[in-house]
Structures are given as C-alpha cells and as structure tokens.
Amino acid sequence: KISEQLSIGLAPTFNYSALKLAPNPLSSPSPTLGYPVSDKATALGFGGQFGIFYNSGKGIKLGASYKTPQVFGSFDFKNTYLDGSSAPNVKFKMNYPAILSAGIGYSKNKIDAALDYRFVNYKNTEGFKAKGWTNTASVAGFGWNNISVISAGLQYKGIKKLPLRAGYTYSSNPISSELAFFSTPATAIIKNAFQFGLGYEFNTRVVLNVTYHHGTSGGSTSGPLLNPMMITASNPYGAIPGSSVSYKMTTDLVMVGINYSF
C-alpha cells in the first residue's frame, strides 16, 4: 500500500500441469501401427505476476496486472501402440501464455459495476507458437492465435441483504480454421459466457453466494482433416480435399459459496 489510493502487488506463481493424449500426435507415427497412445505426463512450472490498483475514493477504481509466461518443464510421454507394443517416448514443451489485464470499476450507493479487458499472448508461447508438421509427421505445435477477453459485471444492492448480480464475458477464438484439426483434443473454447447470481447476508460476517453460469462456443470451430503425406507447396498443412472436422461445446455451472469475515 503506497498511499490511501494506490496499491501494488508482486507475487511468484507455481504451477502443475498434466496431459494425456490418445492418440498422441506429438509423436511420430509408425508406418504400420499409426500414432501411439500416451500415458499421463506431468510438468512443473513457475512465473510471476505484478499488479497495480487505484481507488479514487469517489467511486471510480482502476486496476492493471501482468502475468508473465509460465515456464514449464517438458512433458515426458510414455507411449504404446494400440496393439499394446511399446513405442518410442517423446518429450514436448508447452508453456502457459503471458496475460495482460486492465479494468475499471464503479462502486457507489446501490450499484457496483466493472469492466475488464484481458489479452492472452498465445502466439509467442512455446508449444502454441509453432504450427504444422515436423519432417517425421508429428505435430510441431498447435499454432494458436492471441485472444482478447472482455468481461462486464453489475451488482444491484437496492434490496436489503439480497444483492443481485449479472455478468457477461466475450472471448475470441485462438484456433484458426486451417489448423482446427490439430486442436481437436482441446475443444474448450467458450466465446460467450453469461452469469447470474445473488447473495444473502445473514449478518455482517456471514454471506451466502449463489451463481449460475451458461457458456457457449458461439458455433463450431471447423476445418479440413490434415495428413502430412499430402503436403505440397500449395497445401502446406496437408489438407484433405472435401474433408471436415468440427467441434463445439456449451457449459452450465452452479456455484454455491459461503463467505465469513473475521
């Protein structure tokens, strides 16, 4: 806390990651047995984050933060073919992208409002930056684009002991259609998310909160099937003519929590 209005924060971050792929396209395929299946591989990571917060004291609040890339060790996949025979193991390094965030809030009388913007830098992150096939027909990387995420929230406190809340989040899609085939194991792309909730204040210390979330991918992410054997100068990813792969998803979630203030 630098002053009554201005605060800064600095913290290290420690991470654990796990990934299992079946089939494992990060491995080179056998000419007769195809791609192997991996067991679950794990990796540890670290990074840091920095933030600044300003409270005008007149209802307006401003904040910004930067989360560094989270640097992980390599996944060490133990592979087997579908017939149960052993396959060469493979290592793959995938970091978590840097995130830049900024937000503005207003809190006065019966209304709290907030608007946040977040930029996620996939395009310059190891594991996401590379794209296409290696010369041994394994996937070099997933080729994700950077994304922007915009969130807005509103709380109404006009009903005694019963604050009402609503929120909306928009996220762009990091997966391009020409590379959609590479990301079929990672279809968790939510374009539009809606939240509705309320709280109940039992007393000054205990508050019950309930939230309902609905998310949708806003249609399908789609593109052609890719085959490294069909790569040409005019077809750099080996798209199979007339083929298509697509995926979409929705999410629904109910969260219940109790806050106790000491």
Protein backbone atom coordinates (compact mmCIF):
# COMPACT_ATOMS: atom_id res chain seq x y z
CA LYS A 1 0.00 0.00 0.00
CA ILE A 2 1.78 3.13 -1.24
CA SER A 3 -0.93 5.61 -0.23
CA GLU A 4 -4.61 5.67 0.67
CA GLN A 5 -5.45 5.49 -3.04
CA LEU A 6 -2.62 3.45 -4.59
CA SER A 7 -1.50 -0.16 -4.01
CA ILE A 8 0.84 -2.52 -5.85
CA GLY A 9 1.30 -6.27 -5.64
CA LEU A 10 4.02 -8.70 -6.67
CA ALA A 11 3.91 -12.48 -6.37
CA PRO A 12 5.61 -15.61 -7.67
CA THR A 13 3.43 -18.30 -9.26
CA PHE A 14 3.94 -22.06 -9.11
CA ASN A 15 2.12 -24.44 -11.42
CA TYR A 16 1.38 -28.12 -12.00
CA SER A 17 0.22 -29.40 -15.39
CA ALA A 18 -0.93 -32.81 -16.64
CA LEU A 19 -1.72 -34.01 -20.16
CA LYS A 20 -2.79 -37.32 -21.69
CA LEU A 21 -3.27 -37.80 -25.45
CA ALA A 22 -4.91 -40.70 -27.28
CA PRO A 23 -3.71 -40.80 -29.99
CA ASN A 24 -0.60 -38.75 -29.33
CA PRO A 25 0.03 -36.56 -32.42
CA LEU A 26 3.17 -35.13 -30.80
CA SER A 27 4.86 -38.48 -31.55
CA SER A 28 5.98 -39.67 -34.96
CA PRO A 29 3.68 -42.38 -36.34
CA SER A 30 4.65 -45.91 -37.27
CA PRO A 31 4.07 -46.73 -40.99
CA THR A 32 2.04 -49.80 -39.96
CA LEU A 33 0.71 -49.06 -36.46
CA GLY A 34 -0.07 -45.35 -36.74
CA TYR A 35 0.22 -42.90 -33.86
CA PRO A 36 0.80 -44.26 -30.35
CA VAL A 37 -1.23 -43.58 -27.21
CA SER A 38 0.44 -41.78 -24.31
CA ASP A 39 0.12 -42.16 -20.58
CA LYS A 40 -0.47 -39.09 -18.42
CA ALA A 41 2.59 -36.82 -18.42
CA THR A 42 3.14 -34.08 -15.86
CA ALA A 43 5.25 -30.94 -15.67
CA LEU A 44 6.00 -28.25 -13.10
CA GLY A 45 6.15 -24.55 -13.94
CA PHE A 46 6.84 -21.16 -12.45
CA GLY A 47 6.45 -17.48 -13.24
CA GLY A 48 5.31 -14.28 -11.60
CA GLN A 49 2.66 -11.58 -11.64
CA PHE A 50 2.54 -7.86 -10.93
CA GLY A 51 -0.45 -5.63 -10.33
CA ILE A 52 -1.41 -2.04 -9.53
CA PHE A 53 -4.69 -0.76 -8.09
CA TYR A 54 -6.02 2.77 -7.73
CA ASN A 55 -9.07 3.78 -5.70
CA SER A 56 -10.14 7.36 -6.29
CA GLY A 57 -12.29 7.38 -3.17
CA LYS A 58 -15.14 8.78 -5.27
CA GLY A 59 -16.49 5.53 -6.66
CA ILE A 60 -14.06 5.01 -9.55
CA LYS A 61 -11.45 2.25 -9.22
CA LEU A 62 -8.74 1.30 -11.73
CA GLY A 63 -6.50 -1.74 -11.94
CA ALA A 64 -3.98 -3.43 -14.20
CA SER A 65 -1.86 -6.56 -13.97
CA TYR A 66 0.69 -8.55 -15.92
CA LYS A 67 1.18 -12.28 -15.52
CA THR A 68 4.44 -13.49 -17.04
CA PRO A 69 4.64 -16.58 -19.23
CA GLN A 70 4.52 -19.65 -17.01
CA VAL A 71 7.62 -21.66 -17.91
CA PHE A 72 7.16 -25.43 -17.63
CA GLY A 73 9.46 -28.38 -17.90
CA SER A 74 8.84 -30.77 -20.77
CA PHE A 75 6.07 -33.35 -20.79
CA ASP A 76 7.74 -36.78 -20.96
CA PHE A 77 5.23 -39.05 -22.71
CA LYS A 78 5.50 -42.82 -22.34
CA ASN A 79 3.91 -44.25 -25.50
CA THR A 80 2.39 -47.55 -26.59
CA TYR A 81 0.76 -48.57 -29.88
CA LEU A 82 -2.86 -49.70 -30.00
CA ASP A 83 -1.78 -53.35 -30.20
CA GLY A 84 -0.03 -52.98 -26.82
CA SER A 85 3.54 -52.93 -28.14
CA SER A 86 5.91 -50.25 -26.89
CA ALA A 87 6.52 -47.07 -28.91
CA PRO A 88 9.32 -44.52 -28.68
CA ASN A 89 8.81 -42.00 -25.91
CA VAL A 90 8.63 -38.32 -26.76
CA LYS A 91 9.12 -35.04 -24.93
CA PHE A 92 7.13 -31.89 -25.64
CA LYS A 93 7.43 -28.48 -24.03
CA MET A 94 4.34 -26.32 -23.60
CA ASN A 95 4.32 -23.11 -21.58
CA TYR A 96 1.35 -21.06 -20.41
CA PRO A 97 0.96 -17.66 -22.12
CA ALA A 98 1.56 -14.20 -20.69
CA ILE A 99 -1.63 -12.34 -19.74
CA LEU A 100 -2.10 -8.57 -19.64
CA SER A 101 -5.21 -7.28 -17.87
CA ALA A 102 -6.77 -3.88 -17.21
CA GLY A 103 -10.05 -2.91 -15.62
CA ILE A 104 -12.26 -0.13 -14.36
CA GLY A 105 -14.88 -0.32 -11.66
CA TYR A 106 -17.52 1.93 -10.14
CA SER A 107 -18.92 1.39 -6.69
CA LYS A 108 -21.28 3.82 -5.01
CA ASN A 109 -24.65 3.71 -3.29
CA LYS A 110 -26.73 0.83 -4.71
CA ILE A 111 -24.69 0.00 -7.82
CA ASP A 112 -21.36 -1.78 -8.38
CA ALA A 113 -20.14 -2.07 -11.97
CA ALA A 114 -16.95 -3.40 -13.54
CA LEU A 115 -15.43 -3.72 -16.99
CA ASP A 116 -12.24 -5.74 -17.66
CA TYR A 117 -10.07 -6.37 -20.69
CA ARG A 118 -7.58 -9.24 -20.93
CA PHE A 119 -5.02 -10.05 -23.62
CA VAL A 120 -3.62 -13.60 -23.80
CA ASN A 121 -0.39 -13.96 -25.78
CA TYR A 122 -0.62 -17.50 -27.21
CA LYS A 123 1.16 -16.60 -30.46
CA ASN A 124 4.56 -16.14 -28.79
CA THR A 125 4.32 -19.04 -26.32
CA GLU A 126 6.29 -22.25 -26.70
CA GLY A 127 4.02 -25.13 -27.65
CA PHE A 128 1.41 -22.80 -29.16
CA LYS A 129 3.72 -20.70 -31.38
CA ALA A 130 4.91 -23.43 -33.78
CA LYS A 131 2.41 -24.93 -36.21
CA GLY A 132 2.24 -27.63 -38.82
CA TRP A 133 4.05 -30.93 -39.10
CA THR A 134 7.65 -31.91 -38.42
CA ASN A 135 9.64 -33.80 -41.05
CA THR A 136 8.76 -37.05 -39.23
CA ALA A 137 4.96 -36.40 -39.37
CA SER A 138 4.49 -35.37 -35.74
CA VAL A 139 2.72 -32.14 -34.79
CA ALA A 140 5.23 -29.30 -34.28
CA GLY A 141 2.80 -27.12 -32.30
CA PHE A 142 -0.81 -26.03 -32.21
CA GLY A 143 -0.48 -22.63 -33.91
CA TRP A 144 -2.89 -20.72 -31.68
CA ASN A 145 -3.55 -17.01 -32.19
CA ASN A 146 -3.63 -14.35 -29.49
CA ILE A 147 -7.03 -13.69 -27.96
CA SER A 148 -8.87 -10.84 -26.28
CA VAL A 149 -11.31 -11.35 -23.42
CA ILE A 150 -13.80 -8.69 -22.34
CA SER A 151 -15.84 -9.06 -19.14
CA ALA A 152 -18.57 -6.87 -17.65
CA GLY A 153 -20.35 -7.22 -14.34
CA LEU A 154 -23.13 -5.43 -12.46
CA GLN A 155 -24.34 -5.71 -8.88
CA TYR A 156 -27.52 -4.11 -7.52
CA LYS A 157 -27.72 -3.60 -3.76
CA GLY A 158 -31.12 -1.94 -3.55
CA ILE A 159 -32.77 -4.93 -1.87
CA LYS A 160 -31.79 -5.24 1.78
CA LYS A 161 -29.47 -8.20 2.46
CA LEU A 162 -30.01 -9.53 -1.08
CA PRO A 163 -27.52 -8.21 -3.68
CA LEU A 164 -28.32 -9.25 -7.26
CA ARG A 165 -25.58 -9.81 -9.85
CA ALA A 166 -25.22 -10.30 -13.62
CA GLY A 167 -22.15 -10.69 -15.81
CA TYR A 168 -21.07 -11.34 -19.38
CA THR A 169 -17.74 -12.44 -20.87
CA TYR A 170 -16.71 -12.45 -24.53
CA SER A 171 -13.60 -14.31 -25.71
CA SER A 172 -12.16 -14.52 -29.21
CA ASN A 173 -11.15 -17.93 -30.59
CA PRO A 174 -7.41 -18.77 -30.74
CA ILE A 175 -7.90 -21.63 -33.23
CA SER A 176 -7.83 -20.81 -36.95
CA SER A 177 -9.93 -22.92 -39.31
CA GLU A 178 -6.93 -24.16 -41.31
CA LEU A 179 -5.39 -25.63 -38.13
CA ALA A 180 -8.59 -26.77 -36.38
CA PHE A 181 -7.62 -30.44 -36.86
CA PHE A 182 -4.58 -30.03 -34.57
CA SER A 183 -6.74 -28.81 -31.67
CA THR A 184 -9.44 -31.49 -31.65
CA PRO A 185 -8.24 -32.67 -28.18
CA ALA A 186 -8.64 -29.09 -26.86
CA THR A 187 -12.16 -28.01 -27.73
CA ALA A 188 -12.83 -25.98 -24.57
CA ILE A 189 -13.36 -22.66 -26.35
CA ILE A 190 -16.12 -20.53 -24.83
CA LYS A 191 -16.97 -17.43 -26.88
CA ASN A 192 -19.93 -16.14 -24.86
CA ALA A 193 -20.47 -16.68 -21.14
CA PHE A 194 -23.38 -15.42 -19.04
CA GLN A 195 -23.50 -15.34 -15.25
CA PHE A 196 -26.40 -14.58 -12.92
CA GLY A 197 -26.22 -14.65 -9.16
CA LEU A 198 -27.25 -13.31 -5.82
CA GLY A 199 -26.08 -13.14 -2.26
CA TYR A 200 -27.84 -13.35 1.09
CA GLU A 201 -26.36 -11.54 4.08
CA PHE A 202 -27.21 -13.48 7.23
CA ASN A 203 -25.33 -10.91 9.30
CA THR A 204 -22.28 -8.65 8.99
CA ARG A 205 -19.94 -11.66 8.97
CA VAL A 206 -21.69 -14.43 7.03
CA VAL A 207 -22.80 -14.14 3.38
CA LEU A 208 -24.18 -16.91 1.15
CA ASN A 209 -23.47 -16.55 -2.61
CA VAL A 210 -25.09 -18.47 -5.48
CA THR A 211 -24.14 -18.16 -9.16
CA TYR A 212 -25.41 -19.77 -12.37
CA HIS A 213 -23.15 -19.79 -15.46
CA HIS A 214 -24.00 -20.65 -19.07
CA GLY A 215 -21.32 -20.64 -21.76
CA THR A 216 -21.33 -21.37 -25.46
CA SER A 217 -18.68 -21.64 -28.16
CA GLY A 218 -20.86 -19.47 -30.44
CA GLY A 219 -20.99 -22.07 -33.20
CA SER A 220 -18.46 -24.64 -34.39
CA THR A 221 -14.73 -24.39 -34.88
CA SER A 222 -14.17 -26.26 -38.12
CA GLY A 223 -11.59 -27.02 -40.76
CA PRO A 224 -10.29 -29.79 -43.01
CA LEU A 225 -8.67 -33.04 -41.94
CA LEU A 226 -4.88 -32.83 -42.29
CA ASN A 227 -2.47 -35.51 -43.49
CA PRO A 228 1.31 -34.94 -43.58
CA MET A 229 1.56 -37.29 -46.60
CA MET A 230 -0.43 -34.75 -48.67
CA ILE A 231 1.81 -31.72 -48.05
CA THR A 232 2.69 -29.77 -51.17
CA ALA A 233 3.90 -26.23 -51.87
CA SER A 234 0.29 -25.12 -52.35
CA ASN A 235 -1.04 -27.27 -49.49
CA PRO A 236 1.45 -26.68 -46.62
CA TYR A 237 -0.59 -28.46 -43.91
CA GLY A 238 -1.77 -31.42 -46.00
CA ALA A 239 -5.48 -30.56 -46.07
CA ILE A 240 -7.59 -33.43 -47.45
CA PRO A 241 -9.98 -32.05 -50.12
CA GLY A 242 -13.65 -32.32 -49.24
CA SER A 243 -12.98 -33.34 -45.62
CA SER A 244 -14.12 -31.56 -42.47
CA VAL A 245 -13.69 -31.75 -38.71
CA SER A 246 -15.62 -29.52 -36.32
CA TYR A 247 -16.35 -29.16 -32.63
CA LYS A 248 -18.44 -27.00 -30.36
CA MET A 249 -19.45 -27.01 -26.72
CA THR A 250 -21.63 -25.46 -24.06
CA THR A 251 -21.07 -25.25 -20.31
CA ASP A 252 -23.54 -24.94 -17.45
CA LEU A 253 -22.41 -24.49 -13.89
CA VAL A 254 -23.94 -23.73 -10.49
CA MET A 255 -21.63 -22.40 -7.78
CA VAL A 256 -22.52 -22.02 -4.10
CA GLY A 257 -20.19 -20.40 -1.59
CA ILE A 258 -20.15 -19.05 1.95
CA ASN A 259 -18.05 -16.06 2.93
CA TYR A 260 -17.07 -15.49 6.56
CA SER A 261 -15.32 -12.25 7.54
CA PHE A 262 -13.13 -12.40 10.65
